[in-house]
Amino acid sequence: MKAFALISVPSGKSPEAVVALRKVPGVVEAWAVYGETDIVIKIDVPDHRTLDRLIMQDIQGMKLVQNTRTMIVIESV
């Protein structure tokens, strides 16, 4: 299952957060971006349960992460 997540972090913390996010199992890529969102990550995990744990515990549990918005890819289109 593939997904993308938009992540907000405190000002000036994007580089540090990107490095940390790239180490999380299931995070395929992570980029700092300009705009309302600070970081965009690409996720590839086997199932919803793993995605739930990844977002709710691993990522939202990071001290740098203020909020997330997750978009699950529709693979059948």
N, C-alpha and C. Protein backbone atom coordinates (compact mmCIF):
# COMPACT_ATOMS: atom_id res chain seq x y z
N MET A 1 0.85 -1.16 0.00
CA MET A 1 0.00 0.00 0.00
C MET A 1 0.90 1.22 0.00
N LYS A 2 0.55 2.15 -0.88
CA LYS A 2 1.34 3.37 -1.00
C LYS A 2 0.54 4.56 -0.49
N ALA A 3 1.26 5.53 0.06
CA ALA A 3 0.62 6.74 0.57
C ALA A 3 1.64 7.87 0.56
N PHE A 4 1.12 9.08 0.68
CA PHE A 4 1.94 10.26 0.86
C PHE A 4 1.46 10.94 2.14
N ALA A 5 2.37 11.55 2.87
CA ALA A 5 1.98 12.31 4.06
C ALA A 5 2.62 13.68 3.99
N LEU A 6 1.83 14.68 4.36
CA LEU A 6 2.29 16.07 4.46
C LEU A 6 2.53 16.33 5.94
N ILE A 7 3.69 16.83 6.27
CA ILE A 7 4.08 16.96 7.67
C ILE A 7 4.50 18.40 7.96
N SER A 8 4.01 18.91 9.09
CA SER A 8 4.41 20.24 9.56
C SER A 8 5.32 20.08 10.76
N VAL A 9 6.39 20.89 10.77
CA VAL A 9 7.35 20.89 11.87
C VAL A 9 7.62 22.34 12.27
N PRO A 10 8.25 22.57 13.44
CA PRO A 10 8.56 23.94 13.83
C PRO A 10 9.51 24.61 12.83
N SER A 11 9.45 25.90 12.77
CA SER A 11 10.29 26.69 11.87
C SER A 11 11.76 26.35 12.05
N GLY A 12 12.42 26.10 10.93
CA GLY A 12 13.84 25.81 10.94
C GLY A 12 14.21 24.37 11.24
N LYS A 13 13.23 23.52 11.48
CA LYS A 13 13.50 22.13 11.86
C LYS A 13 13.35 21.13 10.72
N SER A 14 13.03 21.61 9.51
CA SER A 14 12.82 20.69 8.39
C SER A 14 14.03 19.80 8.11
N PRO A 15 15.26 20.34 8.04
CA PRO A 15 16.40 19.46 7.74
C PRO A 15 16.55 18.32 8.76
N GLU A 16 16.44 18.64 10.02
CA GLU A 16 16.55 17.64 11.08
C GLU A 16 15.44 16.60 10.98
N ALA A 17 14.22 17.05 10.72
CA ALA A 17 13.09 16.14 10.62
C ALA A 17 13.19 15.24 9.40
N VAL A 18 13.64 15.76 8.28
CA VAL A 18 13.80 14.95 7.06
C VAL A 18 14.79 13.82 7.32
N VAL A 19 15.91 14.13 7.96
CA VAL A 19 16.91 13.10 8.27
C VAL A 19 16.29 12.00 9.14
N ALA A 20 15.54 12.39 10.15
CA ALA A 20 14.90 11.42 11.05
C ALA A 20 13.85 10.60 10.32
N LEU A 21 13.04 11.24 9.49
CA LEU A 21 11.96 10.55 8.77
C LEU A 21 12.52 9.53 7.77
N ARG A 22 13.63 9.83 7.15
CA ARG A 22 14.23 8.91 6.17
C ARG A 22 14.69 7.61 6.83
N LYS A 23 14.84 7.60 8.13
CA LYS A 23 15.25 6.40 8.87
C LYS A 23 14.08 5.53 9.30
N VAL A 24 12.85 6.01 9.17
CA VAL A 24 11.68 5.28 9.62
C VAL A 24 11.33 4.18 8.61
N PRO A 25 11.25 2.92 9.04
CA PRO A 25 10.86 1.85 8.12
C PRO A 25 9.49 2.12 7.51
N GLY A 26 9.39 2.00 6.20
CA GLY A 26 8.15 2.28 5.49
C GLY A 26 8.17 3.63 4.79
N VAL A 27 9.03 4.53 5.23
CA VAL A 27 9.20 5.81 4.55
C VAL A 27 10.21 5.59 3.43
N VAL A 28 9.74 5.71 2.19
CA VAL A 28 10.57 5.45 1.03
C VAL A 28 11.41 6.68 0.67
N GLU A 29 10.78 7.86 0.75
CA GLU A 29 11.46 9.11 0.43
C GLU A 29 10.89 10.21 1.32
N ALA A 30 11.69 11.23 1.56
CA ALA A 30 11.24 12.38 2.34
C ALA A 30 11.92 13.63 1.78
N TRP A 31 11.13 14.68 1.60
CA TRP A 31 11.63 15.93 1.02
C TRP A 31 11.14 17.12 1.83
N ALA A 32 11.99 18.10 2.04
CA ALA A 32 11.56 19.40 2.56
C ALA A 32 11.00 20.17 1.37
N VAL A 33 9.89 20.87 1.57
CA VAL A 33 9.23 21.60 0.49
C VAL A 33 8.84 23.00 0.96
N TYR A 34 8.63 23.89 -0.01
CA TYR A 34 8.12 25.23 0.28
C TYR A 34 6.60 25.17 0.34
N GLY A 35 5.98 26.06 1.13
CA GLY A 35 4.52 26.15 1.16
C GLY A 35 3.97 25.91 2.55
N GLU A 36 2.68 25.60 2.61
CA GLU A 36 2.00 25.39 3.89
C GLU A 36 2.54 24.16 4.62
N THR A 37 2.97 23.17 3.86
CA THR A 37 3.53 21.95 4.42
C THR A 37 5.05 22.06 4.40
N ASP A 38 5.70 21.52 5.41
CA ASP A 38 7.15 21.59 5.49
C ASP A 38 7.85 20.40 4.85
N ILE A 39 7.23 19.22 4.97
CA ILE A 39 7.85 17.99 4.49
C ILE A 39 6.80 17.12 3.81
N VAL A 40 7.19 16.47 2.71
CA VAL A 40 6.34 15.48 2.05
C VAL A 40 7.10 14.16 2.10
N ILE A 41 6.40 13.10 2.51
CA ILE A 41 7.03 11.78 2.51
C ILE A 41 6.23 10.81 1.65
N LYS A 42 6.95 9.88 1.06
CA LYS A 42 6.34 8.79 0.29
C LYS A 42 6.46 7.54 1.15
N ILE A 43 5.35 6.83 1.28
CA ILE A 43 5.26 5.66 2.15
C ILE A 43 4.93 4.43 1.32
N ASP A 44 5.54 3.31 1.65
CA ASP A 44 5.20 2.02 1.05
C ASP A 44 5.22 0.98 2.16
N VAL A 45 4.04 0.49 2.51
CA VAL A 45 3.87 -0.50 3.57
C VAL A 45 2.95 -1.62 3.09
N PRO A 46 2.96 -2.77 3.76
CA PRO A 46 2.16 -3.90 3.27
C PRO A 46 0.65 -3.79 3.50
N ASP A 47 0.20 -3.05 4.53
CA ASP A 47 -1.23 -3.05 4.84
C ASP A 47 -1.63 -1.84 5.68
N HIS A 48 -2.96 -1.71 5.92
CA HIS A 48 -3.49 -0.58 6.70
C HIS A 48 -2.98 -0.58 8.13
N ARG A 49 -2.87 -1.73 8.74
CA ARG A 49 -2.39 -1.81 10.13
C ARG A 49 -0.99 -1.21 10.25
N THR A 50 -0.13 -1.55 9.30
CA THR A 50 1.23 -1.02 9.32
C THR A 50 1.22 0.49 9.07
N LEU A 51 0.36 0.95 8.16
CA LEU A 51 0.23 2.39 7.90
C LEU A 51 -0.25 3.11 9.16
N ASP A 52 -1.24 2.55 9.83
CA ASP A 52 -1.75 3.15 11.07
C ASP A 52 -0.62 3.33 12.08
N ARG A 53 0.16 2.28 12.30
CA ARG A 53 1.26 2.34 13.27
C ARG A 53 2.32 3.35 12.84
N LEU A 54 2.63 3.33 11.54
CA LEU A 54 3.64 4.25 11.01
C LEU A 54 3.25 5.71 11.25
N ILE A 55 2.01 6.05 10.91
CA ILE A 55 1.56 7.44 11.05
C ILE A 55 1.27 7.79 12.50
N MET A 56 0.46 6.99 13.17
CA MET A 56 -0.04 7.33 14.50
C MET A 56 1.03 7.22 15.59
N GLN A 57 1.95 6.29 15.46
CA GLN A 57 2.95 6.10 16.51
C GLN A 57 4.33 6.60 16.09
N ASP A 58 4.83 6.05 14.99
CA ASP A 58 6.21 6.35 14.60
C ASP A 58 6.41 7.81 14.20
N ILE A 59 5.50 8.34 13.39
CA ILE A 59 5.68 9.71 12.88
C ILE A 59 5.07 10.74 13.82
N GLN A 60 3.80 10.57 14.18
CA GLN A 60 3.18 11.55 15.08
C GLN A 60 3.81 11.51 16.47
N GLY A 61 4.50 10.44 16.79
CA GLY A 61 5.19 10.34 18.07
C GLY A 61 6.52 11.07 18.11
N MET A 62 6.99 11.55 16.97
CA MET A 62 8.24 12.31 16.94
C MET A 62 8.03 13.70 17.54
N LYS A 63 8.96 14.13 18.35
CA LYS A 63 8.83 15.44 19.01
C LYS A 63 8.77 16.60 18.02
N LEU A 64 9.43 16.45 16.87
CA LEU A 64 9.46 17.54 15.88
C LEU A 64 8.16 17.68 15.09
N VAL A 65 7.36 16.63 15.03
CA VAL A 65 6.17 16.63 14.18
C VAL A 65 5.02 17.33 14.88
N GLN A 66 4.49 18.37 14.21
CA GLN A 66 3.36 19.12 14.77
C GLN A 66 2.02 18.55 14.29
N ASN A 67 1.94 18.22 13.00
CA ASN A 67 0.73 17.58 12.48
C ASN A 67 1.03 16.88 11.16
N THR A 68 0.11 16.00 10.77
CA THR A 68 0.26 15.24 9.53
C THR A 68 -1.06 15.23 8.76
N ARG A 69 -0.94 15.08 7.46
CA ARG A 69 -2.09 14.84 6.58
C ARG A 69 -1.67 13.70 5.67
N THR A 70 -2.44 12.62 5.69
CA THR A 70 -2.07 11.42 4.94
C THR A 70 -3.02 11.20 3.77
N MET A 71 -2.45 10.87 2.63
CA MET A 71 -3.23 10.58 1.42
C MET A 71 -2.86 9.18 0.95
N ILE A 72 -3.83 8.27 0.96
CA ILE A 72 -3.59 6.89 0.52
C ILE A 72 -3.81 6.82 -0.98
N VAL A 73 -2.85 6.20 -1.68
CA VAL A 73 -2.91 6.08 -3.13
C VAL A 73 -3.96 5.05 -3.53
N ILE A 74 -4.78 5.39 -4.52
CA ILE A 74 -5.75 4.46 -5.10
C ILE A 74 -5.01 3.70 -6.20
N GLU A 75 -4.73 2.45 -5.97
CA GLU A 75 -3.89 1.68 -6.89
C GLU A 75 -4.65 1.19 -8.12
N SER A 76 -5.97 1.17 -8.08
CA SER A 76 -6.74 0.58 -9.17
C SER A 76 -7.08 1.56 -10.28
N VAL A 77 -6.69 2.81 -10.15
CA VAL A 77 -7.02 3.82 -11.17
C VAL A 77 -5.95 3.84 -12.24
